Amino acid sequence: MPILTMKTWSGITEDQKRDMVETFTRESCRILDCKQEHVMIVIEEVDRGNWGLEGGLAKDLYPKKK
């Protein structure tokens, strides 16, 4: 059973989550030749203040769009 964990910045919409789960499930089944009921997706949302990249905090480098 494939278990896929995806980390993303917090604030994505429910529609975006649904789209990611559908897409990751479909593509995992295609690549791994398995059934949809065997694929599990875990979405972990991380606050931008707890995400570092390019030597800084994501909240400073990529502020939320208004």
PDB file of N, CA and C in Angstrom:
ATOM      1  N   MET A   1       0.843  -1.177   0.000  1.00  0.00           N
ATOM      2  CA  MET A   1       0.000   0.000   0.000  1.00  0.00           C
ATOM      3  C   MET A   1       0.885   1.236   0.000  1.00  0.00           C
ATOM      4  N   PRO A   2       0.840   2.041  -1.069  1.00  0.00           N
ATOM      5  CA  PRO A   2       1.610   3.287  -1.062  1.00  0.00           C
ATOM      6  C   PRO A   2       0.993   4.309  -0.112  1.00  0.00           C
ATOM      7  N   ILE A   3       1.832   4.918   0.689  1.00  0.00           N
ATOM      8  CA  ILE A   3       1.421   6.024   1.547  1.00  0.00           C
ATOM      9  C   ILE A   3       2.280   7.216   1.142  1.00  0.00           C
ATOM     10  N   LEU A   4       1.628   8.251   0.630  1.00  0.00           N
ATOM     11  CA  LEU A   4       2.336   9.442   0.170  1.00  0.00           C
ATOM     12  C   LEU A   4       2.103  10.563   1.166  1.00  0.00           C
ATOM     13  N   THR A   5       3.176  11.177   1.635  1.00  0.00           N
ATOM     14  CA  THR A   5       3.074  12.315   2.541  1.00  0.00           C
ATOM     15  C   THR A   5       3.545  13.550   1.798  1.00  0.00           C
ATOM     16  N   MET A   6       2.694  14.566   1.775  1.00  0.00           N
ATOM     17  CA  MET A   6       3.030  15.806   1.112  1.00  0.00           C
ATOM     18  C   MET A   6       3.009  16.931   2.128  1.00  0.00           C
ATOM     19  N   LYS A   7       4.066  17.696   2.186  1.00  0.00           N
ATOM     20  CA  LYS A   7       4.124  18.859   3.061  1.00  0.00           C
ATOM     21  C   LYS A   7       3.937  20.096   2.211  1.00  0.00           C
ATOM     22  N   THR A   8       3.123  21.014   2.693  1.00  0.00           N
ATOM     23  CA  THR A   8       2.857  22.250   1.981  1.00  0.00           C
ATOM     24  C   THR A   8       2.690  23.382   2.980  1.00  0.00           C
ATOM     25  N   TRP A   9       2.827  24.599   2.491  1.00  0.00           N
ATOM     26  CA  TRP A   9       2.547  25.728   3.369  1.00  0.00           C
ATOM     27  C   TRP A   9       1.085  25.710   3.753  1.00  0.00           C
ATOM     28  N   SER A  10       0.771  26.132   4.949  1.00  0.00           N
ATOM     29  CA  SER A  10      -0.624  26.189   5.368  1.00  0.00           C
ATOM     30  C   SER A  10      -1.355  27.255   4.560  1.00  0.00           C
ATOM     31  N   GLY A  11      -2.646  27.024   4.405  1.00  0.00           N
ATOM     32  CA  GLY A  11      -3.475  27.990   3.704  1.00  0.00           C
ATOM     33  C   GLY A  11      -3.985  27.536   2.352  1.00  0.00           C
ATOM     34  N   ILE A  12      -3.672  26.313   1.935  1.00  0.00           N
ATOM     35  CA  ILE A  12      -4.227  25.856   0.666  1.00  0.00           C
ATOM     36  C   ILE A  12      -5.709  25.552   0.850  1.00  0.00           C
ATOM     37  N   THR A  13      -6.454  25.649  -0.221  1.00  0.00           N
ATOM     38  CA  THR A  13      -7.904  25.475  -0.140  1.00  0.00           C
ATOM     39  C   THR A  13      -8.288  23.998  -0.141  1.00  0.00           C
ATOM     40  N   GLU A  14      -9.523  23.730   0.254  1.00  0.00           N
ATOM     41  CA  GLU A  14     -10.042  22.359   0.216  1.00  0.00           C
ATOM     42  C   GLU A  14     -10.061  21.844  -1.226  1.00  0.00           C
ATOM     43  N   ASP A  15     -10.408  22.714  -2.175  1.00  0.00           N
ATOM     44  CA  ASP A  15     -10.408  22.304  -3.584  1.00  0.00           C
ATOM     45  C   ASP A  15      -9.007  21.930  -4.053  1.00  0.00           C
ATOM     46  N   GLN A  16      -7.996  22.677  -3.623  1.00  0.00           N
ATOM     47  CA  GLN A  16      -6.613  22.336  -3.972  1.00  0.00           C
ATOM     48  C   GLN A  16      -6.222  20.990  -3.373  1.00  0.00           C
ATOM     49  N   LYS A  17      -6.627  20.744  -2.135  1.00  0.00           N
ATOM     50  CA  LYS A  17      -6.335  19.458  -1.491  1.00  0.00           C
ATOM     51  C   LYS A  17      -7.004  18.319  -2.241  1.00  0.00           C
ATOM     52  N   ARG A  18      -8.278  18.503  -2.589  1.00  0.00           N
ATOM     53  CA  ARG A  18      -8.988  17.462  -3.338  1.00  0.00           C
ATOM     54  C   ARG A  18      -8.283  17.168  -4.664  1.00  0.00           C
ATOM     55  N   ASP A  19      -7.879  18.226  -5.360  1.00  0.00           N
ATOM     56  CA  ASP A  19      -7.210  18.067  -6.647  1.00  0.00           C
ATOM     57  C   ASP A  19      -5.889  17.326  -6.483  1.00  0.00           C
ATOM     58  N   MET A  20      -5.118  17.674  -5.456  1.00  0.00           N
ATOM     59  CA  MET A  20      -3.840  16.995  -5.222  1.00  0.00           C
ATOM     60  C   MET A  20      -4.054  15.523  -4.898  1.00  0.00           C
ATOM     61  N   VAL A  21      -5.030  15.230  -4.033  1.00  0.00           N
ATOM     62  CA  VAL A  21      -5.283  13.839  -3.657  1.00  0.00           C
ATOM     63  C   VAL A  21      -5.715  13.030  -4.878  1.00  0.00           C
ATOM     64  N   GLU A  22      -6.602  13.589  -5.687  1.00  0.00           N
ATOM     65  CA  GLU A  22      -7.062  12.886  -6.887  1.00  0.00           C
ATOM     66  C   GLU A  22      -5.899  12.656  -7.851  1.00  0.00           C
ATOM     67  N   THR A  23      -5.107  13.681  -8.080  1.00  0.00           N
ATOM     68  CA  THR A  23      -3.989  13.584  -9.026  1.00  0.00           C
ATOM     69  C   THR A  23      -2.914  12.630  -8.524  1.00  0.00           C
ATOM     70  N   PHE A  24      -2.521  12.756  -7.260  1.00  0.00           N
ATOM     71  CA  PHE A  24      -1.476  11.880  -6.719  1.00  0.00           C
ATOM     72  C   PHE A  24      -1.944  10.427  -6.694  1.00  0.00           C
ATOM     73  N   THR A  25      -3.205  10.210  -6.365  1.00  0.00           N
ATOM     74  CA  THR A  25      -3.735   8.846  -6.350  1.00  0.00           C
ATOM     75  C   THR A  25      -3.717   8.257  -7.755  1.00  0.00           C
ATOM     76  N   ARG A  26      -4.256   9.001  -8.716  1.00  0.00           N
ATOM     77  CA  ARG A  26      -4.313   8.522 -10.104  1.00  0.00           C
ATOM     78  C   ARG A  26      -2.913   8.207 -10.633  1.00  0.00           C
ATOM     79  N   GLU A  27      -1.975   9.131 -10.429  1.00  0.00           N
ATOM     80  CA  GLU A  27      -0.628   8.930 -10.969  1.00  0.00           C
ATOM     81  C   GLU A  27       0.128   7.825 -10.231  1.00  0.00           C
ATOM     82  N   SER A  28      -0.106   7.680  -8.932  1.00  0.00           N
ATOM     83  CA  SER A  28       0.521   6.577  -8.189  1.00  0.00           C
ATOM     84  C   SER A  28       0.035   5.239  -8.722  1.00  0.00           C
ATOM     85  N   CYS A  29      -1.260   5.154  -8.993  1.00  0.00           N
ATOM     86  CA  CYS A  29      -1.811   3.907  -9.537  1.00  0.00           C
ATOM     87  C   CYS A  29      -1.237   3.615 -10.915  1.00  0.00           C
ATOM     88  N   ARG A  30      -1.094   4.638 -11.725  1.00  0.00           N
ATOM     89  CA  ARG A  30      -0.528   4.459 -13.063  1.00  0.00           C
ATOM     90  C   ARG A  30       0.926   3.986 -12.978  1.00  0.00           C
ATOM     91  N   ILE A  31       1.705   4.615 -12.139  1.00  0.00           N
ATOM     92  CA  ILE A  31       3.133   4.297 -12.042  1.00  0.00           C
ATOM     93  C   ILE A  31       3.375   2.970 -11.332  1.00  0.00           C
ATOM     94  N   LEU A  32       2.636   2.735 -10.244  1.00  0.00           N
ATOM     95  CA  LEU A  32       2.873   1.545  -9.415  1.00  0.00           C
ATOM     96  C   LEU A  32       1.985   0.361  -9.765  1.00  0.00           C
ATOM     97  N   ASP A  33       1.065   0.587 -10.718  1.00  0.00           N
ATOM     98  CA  ASP A  33       0.133  -0.461 -11.131  1.00  0.00           C
ATOM     99  C   ASP A  33      -0.610  -1.048  -9.920  1.00  0.00           C
ATOM    100  N   CYS A  34      -1.272  -0.159  -9.188  1.00  0.00           N
ATOM    101  CA  CYS A  34      -2.036  -0.598  -8.019  1.00  0.00           C
ATOM    102  C   CYS A  34      -3.442  -0.009  -8.078  1.00  0.00           C
ATOM    103  N   LYS A  35      -4.300  -0.447  -7.184  1.00  0.00           N
ATOM    104  CA  LYS A  35      -5.685   0.020  -7.134  1.00  0.00           C
ATOM    105  C   LYS A  35      -5.777   1.285  -6.282  1.00  0.00           C
ATOM    106  N   GLN A  36      -6.768   2.129  -6.629  1.00  0.00           N
ATOM    107  CA  GLN A  36      -6.955   3.376  -5.882  1.00  0.00           C
ATOM    108  C   GLN A  36      -7.176   3.145  -4.393  1.00  0.00           C
ATOM    109  N   GLU A  37      -7.898   2.091  -4.051  1.00  0.00           N
ATOM    110  CA  GLU A  37      -8.188   1.841  -2.631  1.00  0.00           C
ATOM    111  C   GLU A  37      -6.949   1.462  -1.833  1.00  0.00           C
ATOM    112  N   HIS A  38      -5.830   1.260  -2.522  1.00  0.00           N
ATOM    113  CA  HIS A  38      -4.578   0.930  -1.832  1.00  0.00           C
ATOM    114  C   HIS A  38      -3.667   2.135  -1.624  1.00  0.00           C
ATOM    115  N   VAL A  39      -4.089   3.288  -2.101  1.00  0.00           N
ATOM    116  CA  VAL A  39      -3.254   4.492  -2.011  1.00  0.00           C
ATOM    117  C   VAL A  39      -3.769   5.389  -0.888  1.00  0.00           C
ATOM    118  N   MET A  40      -2.856   5.827  -0.037  1.00  0.00           N
ATOM    119  CA  MET A  40      -3.193   6.749   1.054  1.00  0.00           C
ATOM    120  C   MET A  40      -2.358   8.013   0.881  1.00  0.00           C
ATOM    121  N   ILE A  41      -3.006   9.170   1.028  1.00  0.00           N
ATOM    122  CA  ILE A  41      -2.336  10.460   0.907  1.00  0.00           C
ATOM    123  C   ILE A  41      -2.458  11.188   2.244  1.00  0.00           C
ATOM    124  N   VAL A  42      -1.367  11.719   2.752  1.00  0.00           N
ATOM    125  CA  VAL A  42      -1.367  12.521   3.976  1.00  0.00           C
ATOM    126  C   VAL A  42      -0.851  13.908   3.615  1.00  0.00           C
ATOM    127  N   ILE A  43      -1.660  14.925   3.896  1.00  0.00           N
ATOM    128  CA  ILE A  43      -1.247  16.303   3.631  1.00  0.00           C
ATOM    129  C   ILE A  43      -0.910  16.952   4.962  1.00  0.00           C
ATOM    130  N   GLU A  44       0.321  17.413   5.094  1.00  0.00           N
ATOM    131  CA  GLU A  44       0.755  18.107   6.299  1.00  0.00           C
ATOM    132  C   GLU A  44       0.979  19.570   5.951  1.00  0.00           C
ATOM    133  N   GLU A  45       0.211  20.454   6.596  1.00  0.00           N
ATOM    134  CA  GLU A  45       0.375  21.882   6.364  1.00  0.00           C
ATOM    135  C   GLU A  45       1.334  22.454   7.398  1.00  0.00           C
ATOM    136  N   VAL A  46       2.320  23.193   6.913  1.00  0.00           N
ATOM    137  CA  VAL A  46       3.345  23.781   7.773  1.00  0.00           C
ATOM    138  C   VAL A  46       3.268  25.298   7.642  1.00  0.00           C
ATOM    139  N   ASP A  47       3.201  25.990   8.754  1.00  0.00           N
ATOM    140  CA  ASP A  47       3.192  27.444   8.732  1.00  0.00           C
ATOM    141  C   ASP A  47       4.476  27.959   8.096  1.00  0.00           C
ATOM    142  N   ARG A  48       4.364  29.019   7.308  1.00  0.00           N
ATOM    143  CA  ARG A  48       5.539  29.572   6.615  1.00  0.00           C
ATOM    144  C   ARG A  48       6.621  30.030   7.591  1.00  0.00           C
ATOM    145  N   GLY A  49       6.233  30.347   8.813  1.00  0.00           N
ATOM    146  CA  GLY A  49       7.212  30.739   9.816  1.00  0.00           C
ATOM    147  C   GLY A  49       8.039  29.571  10.330  1.00  0.00           C
ATOM    148  N   ASN A  50       7.607  28.341  10.016  1.00  0.00           N
ATOM    149  CA  ASN A  50       8.328  27.134  10.424  1.00  0.00           C
ATOM    150  C   ASN A  50       8.979  26.437   9.227  1.00  0.00           C
ATOM    151  N   TRP A  51       9.109  27.158   8.125  1.00  0.00           N
ATOM    152  CA  TRP A  51       9.654  26.580   6.901  1.00  0.00           C
ATOM    153  C   TRP A  51      10.815  27.460   6.446  1.00  0.00           C
ATOM    154  N   GLY A  52      11.998  26.903   6.395  1.00  0.00           N
ATOM    155  CA  GLY A  52      13.170  27.671   5.986  1.00  0.00           C
ATOM    156  C   GLY A  52      13.656  27.245   4.617  1.00  0.00           C
ATOM    157  N   LEU A  53      14.066  28.214   3.827  1.00  0.00           N
ATOM    158  CA  LEU A  53      14.661  27.937   2.532  1.00  0.00           C
ATOM    159  C   LEU A  53      15.425  29.165   2.075  1.00  0.00           C
ATOM    160  N   GLU A  54      16.384  28.941   1.219  1.00  0.00           N
ATOM    161  CA  GLU A  54      17.208  30.026   0.688  1.00  0.00           C
ATOM    162  C   GLU A  54      17.849  30.866   1.801  1.00  0.00           C
ATOM    163  N   GLY A  55      18.093  30.260   2.936  1.00  0.00           N
ATOM    164  CA  GLY A  55      18.730  30.957   4.045  1.00  0.00           C
ATOM    165  C   GLY A  55      17.805  31.847   4.853  1.00  0.00           C
ATOM    166  N   GLY A  56      16.507  31.740   4.638  1.00  0.00           N
ATOM    167  CA  GLY A  56      15.563  32.573   5.382  1.00  0.00           C
ATOM    168  C   GLY A  56      14.265  31.833   5.635  1.00  0.00           C
ATOM    169  N   LEU A  57      13.337  32.527   6.260  1.00  0.00           N
ATOM    170  CA  LEU A  57      12.026  31.951   6.519  1.00  0.00           C
ATOM    171  C   LEU A  57      11.117  32.185   5.319  1.00  0.00           C
ATOM    172  N   ALA A  58      10.329  31.188   5.002  1.00  0.00           N
ATOM    173  CA  ALA A  58       9.428  31.292   3.857  1.00  0.00           C
ATOM    174  C   ALA A  58       8.451  32.451   4.006  1.00  0.00           C
ATOM    175  N   LYS A  59       8.040  32.752   5.242  1.00  0.00           N
ATOM    176  CA  LYS A  59       7.087  33.849   5.439  1.00  0.00           C
ATOM    177  C   LYS A  59       7.687  35.195   5.047  1.00  0.00           C
ATOM    178  N   ASP A  60       9.005  35.322   5.153  1.00  0.00           N
ATOM    179  CA  ASP A  60       9.665  36.558   4.749  1.00  0.00           C
ATOM    180  C   ASP A  60       9.953  36.578   3.242  1.00  0.00           C
ATOM    181  N   LEU A  61      10.313  35.421   2.714  1.00  0.00           N
ATOM    182  CA  LEU A  61      10.670  35.331   1.300  1.00  0.00           C
ATOM    183  C   LEU A  61       9.449  35.280   0.388  1.00  0.00           C
ATOM    184  N   TYR A  62       8.390  34.633   0.864  1.00  0.00           N
ATOM    185  CA  TYR A  62       7.179  34.450   0.071  1.00  0.00           C
ATOM    186  C   TYR A  62       5.960  34.790   0.933  1.00  0.00           C
ATOM    187  N   PRO A  63       5.687  36.048   1.143  1.00  0.00           N
ATOM    188  CA  PRO A  63       4.519  36.388   1.953  1.00  0.00           C
ATOM    189  C   PRO A  63       3.235  35.938   1.282  1.00  0.00           C
ATOM    190  N   LYS A  64       2.209  35.692   2.100  1.00  0.00           N
ATOM    191  CA  LYS A  64       0.913  35.257   1.571  1.00  0.00           C
ATOM    192  C   LYS A  64       0.368  36.302   0.617  1.00  0.00           C
ATOM    193  N   LYS A  65      -0.258  35.815  -0.447  1.00  0.00           N
ATOM    194  CA  LYS A  65      -0.912  36.705  -1.392  1.00  0.00           C
ATOM    195  C   LYS A  65      -2.229  37.184  -0.798  1.00  0.00           C
ATOM    196  N   LYS A  66      -2.543  38.422  -1.050  1.00  0.00           N
ATOM    197  CA  LYS A  66      -3.793  38.970  -0.510  1.00  0.00           C
ATOM    198  C   LYS A  66      -4.872  38.978  -1.549  1.00  0.00           C
TER     199      LYS A  66
END
